[in-house]
Amino acid sequence: MAAYMRAVAPDNDEAVSRLKRNLRIARREELTARQAQVLRLYFEEEMTMEAVGHALGISKSTVSRTIARAKQRLKRCLRYAL
């Protein structure tokens, strides 16, 4: 099993690298400015939805909807990336 994992690992590394590259491109090209901003604050800055909403002057439910729509858009873009 360990030999198999070593043999497969380079392929996984390549796939992960390709997926990360495609994710960066999709974030830049497919998301609205607001969606990108909300995702950055929520995932990268690790702010709560409530804190993101307060920082941007929007409600927590708007933050939640924005994240959900952005994730949908990214999934759609990345569906065939692997």
PDB file of N, CA and C in Angstrom:
ATOM      1  N   MET A   1       0.822  -1.195   0.000  1.00  0.00           N
ATOM      2  CA  MET A   1       0.000   0.000   0.000  1.00  0.00           C
ATOM      3  C   MET A   1       0.863   1.255   0.000  1.00  0.00           C
ATOM      4  N   ALA A   2       1.933   1.260   0.793  1.00  0.00           N
ATOM      5  CA  ALA A   2       2.813   2.429   0.864  1.00  0.00           C
ATOM      6  C   ALA A   2       3.471   2.693  -0.486  1.00  0.00           C
ATOM      7  N   ALA A   3       3.871   1.622  -1.176  1.00  0.00           N
ATOM      8  CA  ALA A   3       4.487   1.794  -2.499  1.00  0.00           C
ATOM      9  C   ALA A   3       3.478   2.390  -3.475  1.00  0.00           C
ATOM     10  N   TYR A   4       2.257   1.936  -3.384  1.00  0.00           N
ATOM     11  CA  TYR A   4       1.203   2.486  -4.245  1.00  0.00           C
ATOM     12  C   TYR A   4       0.997   3.970  -3.965  1.00  0.00           C
ATOM     13  N   MET A   5       0.958   4.339  -2.698  1.00  0.00           N
ATOM     14  CA  MET A   5       0.750   5.744  -2.339  1.00  0.00           C
ATOM     15  C   MET A   5       1.895   6.615  -2.851  1.00  0.00           C
ATOM     16  N   ARG A   6       3.126   6.112  -2.769  1.00  0.00           N
ATOM     17  CA  ARG A   6       4.263   6.875  -3.290  1.00  0.00           C
ATOM     18  C   ARG A   6       4.159   7.022  -4.800  1.00  0.00           C
ATOM     19  N   ALA A   7       3.693   5.988  -5.461  1.00  0.00           N
ATOM     20  CA  ALA A   7       3.565   6.034  -6.920  1.00  0.00           C
ATOM     21  C   ALA A   7       2.467   6.994  -7.349  1.00  0.00           C
ATOM     22  N   VAL A   8       1.419   7.088  -6.564  1.00  0.00           N
ATOM     23  CA  VAL A   8       0.280   7.942  -6.904  1.00  0.00           C
ATOM     24  C   VAL A   8       0.490   9.384  -6.448  1.00  0.00           C
ATOM     25  N   ALA A   9       1.254   9.602  -5.411  1.00  0.00           N
ATOM     26  CA  ALA A   9       1.421  10.931  -4.810  1.00  0.00           C
ATOM     27  C   ALA A   9       1.839  12.015  -5.801  1.00  0.00           C
ATOM     28  N   PRO A  10       2.807  11.780  -6.684  1.00  0.00           N
ATOM     29  CA  PRO A  10       3.158  12.855  -7.624  1.00  0.00           C
ATOM     30  C   PRO A  10       1.974  13.296  -8.477  1.00  0.00           C
ATOM     31  N   ASP A  11       1.137  12.360  -8.884  1.00  0.00           N
ATOM     32  CA  ASP A  11      -0.048  12.702  -9.666  1.00  0.00           C
ATOM     33  C   ASP A  11      -0.989  13.571  -8.851  1.00  0.00           C
ATOM     34  N   ASN A  12      -1.150  13.239  -7.571  1.00  0.00           N
ATOM     35  CA  ASN A  12      -2.013  14.036  -6.706  1.00  0.00           C
ATOM     36  C   ASN A  12      -1.450  15.433  -6.518  1.00  0.00           C
ATOM     37  N   ASP A  13      -0.136  15.528  -6.334  1.00  0.00           N
ATOM     38  CA  ASP A  13       0.492  16.837  -6.169  1.00  0.00           C
ATOM     39  C   ASP A  13       0.254  17.705  -7.397  1.00  0.00           C
ATOM     40  N   GLU A  14       0.393  17.105  -8.559  1.00  0.00           N
ATOM     41  CA  GLU A  14       0.169  17.842  -9.803  1.00  0.00           C
ATOM     42  C   GLU A  14      -1.288  18.285  -9.911  1.00  0.00           C
ATOM     43  N   ALA A  15      -2.212  17.399  -9.562  1.00  0.00           N
ATOM     44  CA  ALA A  15      -3.637  17.739  -9.629  1.00  0.00           C
ATOM     45  C   ALA A  15      -3.980  18.851  -8.642  1.00  0.00           C
ATOM     46  N   VAL A  16      -3.417  18.787  -7.445  1.00  0.00           N
ATOM     47  CA  VAL A  16      -3.674  19.822  -6.437  1.00  0.00           C
ATOM     48  C   VAL A  16      -3.110  21.156  -6.902  1.00  0.00           C
ATOM     49  N   SER A  17      -1.913  21.138  -7.457  1.00  0.00           N
ATOM     50  CA  SER A  17      -1.316  22.380  -7.970  1.00  0.00           C
ATOM     51  C   SER A  17      -2.165  22.979  -9.080  1.00  0.00           C
ATOM     52  N   ARG A  18      -2.630  22.133  -9.983  1.00  0.00           N
ATOM     53  CA  ARG A  18      -3.480  22.595 -11.091  1.00  0.00           C
ATOM     54  C   ARG A  18      -4.791  23.166 -10.559  1.00  0.00           C
ATOM     55  N   LEU A  19      -5.378  22.501  -9.577  1.00  0.00           N
ATOM     56  CA  LEU A  19      -6.629  22.973  -8.997  1.00  0.00           C
ATOM     57  C   LEU A  19      -6.443  24.314  -8.295  1.00  0.00           C
ATOM     58  N   LYS A  20      -5.357  24.467  -7.545  1.00  0.00           N
ATOM     59  CA  LYS A  20      -5.087  25.742  -6.869  1.00  0.00           C
ATOM     60  C   LYS A  20      -4.892  26.867  -7.881  1.00  0.00           C
ATOM     61  N   ARG A  21      -4.166  26.584  -8.955  1.00  0.00           N
ATOM     62  CA  ARG A  21      -3.951  27.588  -9.998  1.00  0.00           C
ATOM     63  C   ARG A  21      -5.286  27.987 -10.635  1.00  0.00           C
ATOM     64  N   ASN A  22      -6.104  26.997 -10.947  1.00  0.00           N
ATOM     65  CA  ASN A  22      -7.410  27.279 -11.546  1.00  0.00           C
ATOM     66  C   ASN A  22      -8.328  28.025 -10.587  1.00  0.00           C
ATOM     67  N   LEU A  23      -8.217  27.737  -9.299  1.00  0.00           N
ATOM     68  CA  LEU A  23      -9.017  28.446  -8.302  1.00  0.00           C
ATOM     69  C   LEU A  23      -8.633  29.923  -8.254  1.00  0.00           C
ATOM     70  N   ARG A  24      -7.328  30.204  -8.280  1.00  0.00           N
ATOM     71  CA  ARG A  24      -6.884  31.610  -8.292  1.00  0.00           C
ATOM     72  C   ARG A  24      -7.412  32.339  -9.524  1.00  0.00           C
ATOM     73  N   ILE A  25      -7.351  31.685 -10.667  1.00  0.00           N
ATOM     74  CA  ILE A  25      -7.849  32.297 -11.904  1.00  0.00           C
ATOM     75  C   ILE A  25      -9.351  32.516 -11.811  1.00  0.00           C
ATOM     76  N   ALA A  26     -10.084  31.512 -11.340  1.00  0.00           N
ATOM     77  CA  ALA A  26     -11.544  31.630 -11.229  1.00  0.00           C
ATOM     78  C   ALA A  26     -11.927  32.731 -10.256  1.00  0.00           C
ATOM     79  N   ARG A  27     -11.223  32.838  -9.138  1.00  0.00           N
ATOM     80  CA  ARG A  27     -11.520  33.913  -8.170  1.00  0.00           C
ATOM     81  C   ARG A  27     -11.342  35.276  -8.814  1.00  0.00           C
ATOM     82  N   ARG A  28     -10.290  35.413  -9.601  1.00  0.00           N
ATOM     83  CA  ARG A  28      -9.985  36.702 -10.219  1.00  0.00           C
ATOM     84  C   ARG A  28     -10.953  37.032 -11.359  1.00  0.00           C
ATOM     85  N   GLU A  29     -11.324  36.027 -12.152  1.00  0.00           N
ATOM     86  CA  GLU A  29     -12.083  36.281 -13.370  1.00  0.00           C
ATOM     87  C   GLU A  29     -13.586  36.052 -13.253  1.00  0.00           C
ATOM     88  N   GLU A  30     -14.023  35.226 -12.330  1.00  0.00           N
ATOM     89  CA  GLU A  30     -15.432  34.831 -12.297  1.00  0.00           C
ATOM     90  C   GLU A  30     -16.239  35.446 -11.162  1.00  0.00           C
ATOM     91  N   LEU A  31     -15.590  35.859 -10.092  1.00  0.00           N
ATOM     92  CA  LEU A  31     -16.332  36.408  -8.957  1.00  0.00           C
ATOM     93  C   LEU A  31     -16.502  37.913  -9.098  1.00  0.00           C
ATOM     94  N   THR A  32     -17.600  38.408  -8.553  1.00  0.00           N
ATOM     95  CA  THR A  32     -17.763  39.856  -8.480  1.00  0.00           C
ATOM     96  C   THR A  32     -16.784  40.385  -7.434  1.00  0.00           C
ATOM     97  N   ALA A  33     -16.553  41.680  -7.463  1.00  0.00           N
ATOM     98  CA  ALA A  33     -15.643  42.281  -6.478  1.00  0.00           C
ATOM     99  C   ALA A  33     -16.150  42.032  -5.061  1.00  0.00           C
ATOM    100  N   ARG A  34     -17.457  42.147  -4.862  1.00  0.00           N
ATOM    101  CA  ARG A  34     -18.034  41.928  -3.528  1.00  0.00           C
ATOM    102  C   ARG A  34     -17.856  40.481  -3.090  1.00  0.00           C
ATOM    103  N   GLN A  35     -18.103  39.533  -3.993  1.00  0.00           N
ATOM    104  CA  GLN A  35     -17.939  38.127  -3.645  1.00  0.00           C
ATOM    105  C   GLN A  35     -16.493  37.830  -3.253  1.00  0.00           C
ATOM    106  N   ALA A  36     -15.552  38.335  -4.027  1.00  0.00           N
ATOM    107  CA  ALA A  36     -14.136  38.111  -3.724  1.00  0.00           C
ATOM    108  C   ALA A  36     -13.770  38.721  -2.376  1.00  0.00           C
ATOM    109  N   GLN A  37     -14.290  39.903  -2.104  1.00  0.00           N
ATOM    110  CA  GLN A  37     -13.994  40.585  -0.844  1.00  0.00           C
ATOM    111  C   GLN A  37     -14.556  39.797   0.343  1.00  0.00           C
ATOM    112  N   VAL A  38     -15.791  39.351   0.224  1.00  0.00           N
ATOM    113  CA  VAL A  38     -16.424  38.591   1.307  1.00  0.00           C
ATOM    114  C   VAL A  38     -15.677  37.274   1.540  1.00  0.00           C
ATOM    115  N   LEU A  39     -15.336  36.559   0.469  1.00  0.00           N
ATOM    116  CA  LEU A  39     -14.602  35.304   0.628  1.00  0.00           C
ATOM    117  C   LEU A  39     -13.243  35.535   1.277  1.00  0.00           C
ATOM    118  N   ARG A  40     -12.556  36.588   0.877  1.00  0.00           N
ATOM    119  CA  ARG A  40     -11.247  36.883   1.454  1.00  0.00           C
ATOM    120  C   ARG A  40     -11.363  37.136   2.954  1.00  0.00           C
ATOM    121  N   LEU A  41     -12.326  37.962   3.342  1.00  0.00           N
ATOM    122  CA  LEU A  41     -12.494  38.264   4.763  1.00  0.00           C
ATOM    123  C   LEU A  41     -12.895  37.023   5.557  1.00  0.00           C
ATOM    124  N   TYR A  42     -13.792  36.238   5.004  1.00  0.00           N
ATOM    125  CA  TYR A  42     -14.319  35.083   5.725  1.00  0.00           C
ATOM    126  C   TYR A  42     -13.302  33.939   5.802  1.00  0.00           C
ATOM    127  N   PHE A  43     -12.705  33.582   4.673  1.00  0.00           N
ATOM    128  CA  PHE A  43     -11.816  32.422   4.654  1.00  0.00           C
ATOM    129  C   PHE A  43     -10.361  32.766   4.960  1.00  0.00           C
ATOM    130  N   GLU A  44      -9.841  33.839   4.407  1.00  0.00           N
ATOM    131  CA  GLU A  44      -8.429  34.158   4.605  1.00  0.00           C
ATOM    132  C   GLU A  44      -8.188  34.917   5.907  1.00  0.00           C
ATOM    133  N   GLU A  45      -9.044  35.883   6.194  1.00  0.00           N
ATOM    134  CA  GLU A  45      -8.892  36.657   7.432  1.00  0.00           C
ATOM    135  C   GLU A  45      -9.568  35.972   8.613  1.00  0.00           C
ATOM    136  N   GLU A  46     -10.324  34.904   8.330  1.00  0.00           N
ATOM    137  CA  GLU A  46     -11.018  34.094   9.332  1.00  0.00           C
ATOM    138  C   GLU A  46     -11.968  34.913  10.203  1.00  0.00           C
ATOM    139  N   MET A  47     -12.645  35.852   9.580  1.00  0.00           N
ATOM    140  CA  MET A  47     -13.649  36.640  10.291  1.00  0.00           C
ATOM    141  C   MET A  47     -14.961  35.866  10.306  1.00  0.00           C
ATOM    142  N   THR A  48     -15.784  36.110  11.311  1.00  0.00           N
ATOM    143  CA  THR A  48     -17.108  35.502  11.346  1.00  0.00           C
ATOM    144  C   THR A  48     -17.994  36.204  10.325  1.00  0.00           C
ATOM    145  N   MET A  49     -19.101  35.576   9.987  1.00  0.00           N
ATOM    146  CA  MET A  49     -20.039  36.206   9.057  1.00  0.00           C
ATOM    147  C   MET A  49     -20.550  37.525   9.626  1.00  0.00           C
ATOM    148  N   GLU A  50     -20.787  37.522  10.909  1.00  0.00           N
ATOM    149  CA  GLU A  50     -21.258  38.745  11.564  1.00  0.00           C
ATOM    150  C   GLU A  50     -20.210  39.858  11.461  1.00  0.00           C
ATOM    151  N   ALA A  51     -18.935  39.511  11.679  1.00  0.00           N
ATOM    152  CA  ALA A  51     -17.857  40.503  11.596  1.00  0.00           C
ATOM    153  C   ALA A  51     -17.671  41.005  10.166  1.00  0.00           C
ATOM    154  N   VAL A  52     -17.786  40.108   9.200  1.00  0.00           N
ATOM    155  CA  VAL A  52     -17.690  40.511   7.792  1.00  0.00           C
ATOM    156  C   VAL A  52     -18.812  41.481   7.465  1.00  0.00           C
ATOM    157  N   GLY A  53     -20.013  41.137   7.887  1.00  0.00           N
ATOM    158  CA  GLY A  53     -21.154  42.014   7.649  1.00  0.00           C
ATOM    159  C   GLY A  53     -20.962  43.382   8.267  1.00  0.00           C
ATOM    160  N   HIS A  54     -20.478  43.407   9.492  1.00  0.00           N
ATOM    161  CA  HIS A  54     -20.248  44.684  10.178  1.00  0.00           C
ATOM    162  C   HIS A  54     -19.192  45.510   9.438  1.00  0.00           C
ATOM    163  N   ALA A  55     -18.114  44.859   9.015  1.00  0.00           N
ATOM    164  CA  ALA A  55     -17.026  45.556   8.318  1.00  0.00           C
ATOM    165  C   ALA A  55     -17.486  46.140   6.983  1.00  0.00           C
ATOM    166  N   LEU A  56     -18.410  45.451   6.318  1.00  0.00           N
ATOM    167  CA  LEU A  56     -18.849  45.887   4.992  1.00  0.00           C
ATOM    168  C   LEU A  56     -20.181  46.629   5.009  1.00  0.00           C
ATOM    169  N   GLY A  57     -20.796  46.705   6.175  1.00  0.00           N
ATOM    170  CA  GLY A  57     -22.074  47.399   6.274  1.00  0.00           C
ATOM    171  C   GLY A  57     -23.230  46.639   5.651  1.00  0.00           C
ATOM    172  N   ILE A  58     -23.165  45.296   5.741  1.00  0.00           N
ATOM    173  CA  ILE A  58     -24.240  44.454   5.218  1.00  0.00           C
ATOM    174  C   ILE A  58     -24.658  43.471   6.311  1.00  0.00           C
ATOM    175  N   SER A  59     -25.800  42.840   6.121  1.00  0.00           N
ATOM    176  CA  SER A  59     -26.298  41.917   7.143  1.00  0.00           C
ATOM    177  C   SER A  59     -25.573  40.572   7.077  1.00  0.00           C
ATOM    178  N   LYS A  60     -25.677  39.839   8.172  1.00  0.00           N
ATOM    179  CA  LYS A  60     -25.091  38.504   8.243  1.00  0.00           C
ATOM    180  C   LYS A  60     -25.706  37.596   7.181  1.00  0.00           C
ATOM    181  N   SER A  61     -27.008  37.725   6.942  1.00  0.00           N
ATOM    182  CA  SER A  61     -27.658  36.882   5.938  1.00  0.00           C
ATOM    183  C   SER A  61     -27.167  37.217   4.529  1.00  0.00           C
ATOM    184  N   THR A  62     -26.855  38.483   4.277  1.00  0.00           N
ATOM    185  CA  THR A  62     -26.300  38.865   2.977  1.00  0.00           C
ATOM    186  C   THR A  62     -24.911  38.262   2.810  1.00  0.00           C
ATOM    187  N   VAL A  63     -24.133  38.258   3.878  1.00  0.00           N
ATOM    188  CA  VAL A  63     -22.809  37.628   3.836  1.00  0.00           C
ATOM    189  C   VAL A  63     -22.966  36.146   3.520  1.00  0.00           C
ATOM    190  N   SER A  64     -23.884  35.483   4.192  1.00  0.00           N
ATOM    191  CA  SER A  64     -24.116  34.058   3.982  1.00  0.00           C
ATOM    192  C   SER A  64     -24.518  33.769   2.538  1.00  0.00           C
ATOM    193  N   ARG A  65     -25.440  34.546   2.003  1.00  0.00           N
ATOM    194  CA  ARG A  65     -25.880  34.363   0.610  1.00  0.00           C
ATOM    195  C   ARG A  65     -24.739  34.623  -0.368  1.00  0.00           C
ATOM    196  N   THR A  66     -23.955  35.650  -0.089  1.00  0.00           N
ATOM    197  CA  THR A  66     -22.835  35.991  -0.968  1.00  0.00           C
ATOM    198  C   THR A  66     -21.815  34.859  -1.000  1.00  0.00           C
ATOM    199  N   ILE A  67     -21.517  34.289   0.155  1.00  0.00           N
ATOM    200  CA  ILE A  67     -20.578  33.168   0.222  1.00  0.00           C
ATOM    201  C   ILE A  67     -21.137  31.973  -0.540  1.00  0.00           C
ATOM    202  N   ALA A  68     -22.395  31.658  -0.329  1.00  0.00           N
ATOM    203  CA  ALA A  68     -23.006  30.513  -1.007  1.00  0.00           C
ATOM    204  C   ALA A  68     -22.981  30.691  -2.522  1.00  0.00           C
ATOM    205  N   ARG A  69     -23.321  31.869  -2.996  1.00  0.00           N
ATOM    206  CA  ARG A  69     -23.332  32.117  -4.445  1.00  0.00           C
ATOM    207  C   ARG A  69     -21.924  32.090  -5.025  1.00  0.00           C
ATOM    208  N   ALA A  70     -20.970  32.625  -4.290  1.00  0.00           N
ATOM    209  CA  ALA A  70     -19.580  32.610  -4.756  1.00  0.00           C
ATOM    210  C   ALA A  70     -19.062  31.175  -4.832  1.00  0.00           C
ATOM    211  N   LYS A  71     -19.383  30.371  -3.829  1.00  0.00           N
ATOM    212  CA  LYS A  71     -18.951  28.976  -3.835  1.00  0.00           C
ATOM    213  C   LYS A  71     -19.581  28.221  -4.998  1.00  0.00           C
ATOM    214  N   GLN A  72     -20.856  28.485  -5.270  1.00  0.00           N
ATOM    215  CA  GLN A  72     -21.525  27.861  -6.416  1.00  0.00           C
ATOM    216  C   GLN A  72     -20.821  28.226  -7.710  1.00  0.00           C
ATOM    217  N   ARG A  73     -20.509  29.493  -7.853  1.00  0.00           N
ATOM    218  CA  ARG A  73     -19.857  29.977  -9.068  1.00  0.00           C
ATOM    219  C   ARG A  73     -18.482  29.330  -9.232  1.00  0.00           C
ATOM    220  N   LEU A  74     -17.733  29.238  -8.138  1.00  0.00           N
ATOM    221  CA  LEU A  74     -16.413  28.619  -8.204  1.00  0.00           C
ATOM    222  C   LEU A  74     -16.514  27.127  -8.517  1.00  0.00           C
ATOM    223  N   LYS A  75     -17.467  26.444  -7.916  1.00  0.00           N
ATOM    224  CA  LYS A  75     -17.657  25.019  -8.206  1.00  0.00           C
ATOM    225  C   LYS A  75     -17.964  24.803  -9.674  1.00  0.00           C
ATOM    226  N   ARG A  76     -18.825  25.650 -10.213  1.00  0.00           N
ATOM    227  CA  ARG A  76     -19.195  25.538 -11.625  1.00  0.00           C
ATOM    228  C   ARG A  76     -17.961  25.729 -12.511  1.00  0.00           C
ATOM    229  N   CYS A  77     -17.118  26.684 -12.159  1.00  0.00           N
ATOM    230  CA  CYS A  77     -15.911  26.964 -12.946  1.00  0.00           C
ATOM    231  C   CYS A  77     -14.876  25.854 -12.825  1.00  0.00           C
ATOM    232  N   LEU A  78     -14.799  25.235 -11.660  1.00  0.00           N
ATOM    233  CA  LEU A  78     -13.757  24.243 -11.400  1.00  0.00           C
ATOM    234  C   LEU A  78     -14.206  22.808 -11.656  1.00  0.00           C
ATOM    235  N   ARG A  79     -15.431  22.621 -12.045  1.00  0.00           N
ATOM    236  CA  ARG A  79     -15.981  21.278 -12.221  1.00  0.00           C
ATOM    237  C   ARG A  79     -15.095  20.405 -13.108  1.00  0.00           C
ATOM    238  N   TYR A  80     -14.560  20.979 -14.166  1.00  0.00           N
ATOM    239  CA  TYR A  80     -13.775  20.198 -15.119  1.00  0.00           C
ATOM    240  C   TYR A  80     -12.277  20.472 -15.004  1.00  0.00           C
ATOM    241  N   ALA A  81     -11.862  21.117 -13.935  1.00  0.00           N
ATOM    242  CA  ALA A  81     -10.459  21.502 -13.779  1.00  0.00           C
ATOM    243  C   ALA A  81      -9.540  20.307 -13.526  1.00  0.00           C
ATOM    244  N   LEU A  82     -10.067  19.270 -12.936  1.00  0.00           N
ATOM    245  CA  LEU A  82      -9.228  18.098 -12.663  1.00  0.00           C
ATOM    246  C   LEU A  82      -9.211  17.231 -13.882  1.00  0.00           C
TER     247      LEU A  82
END
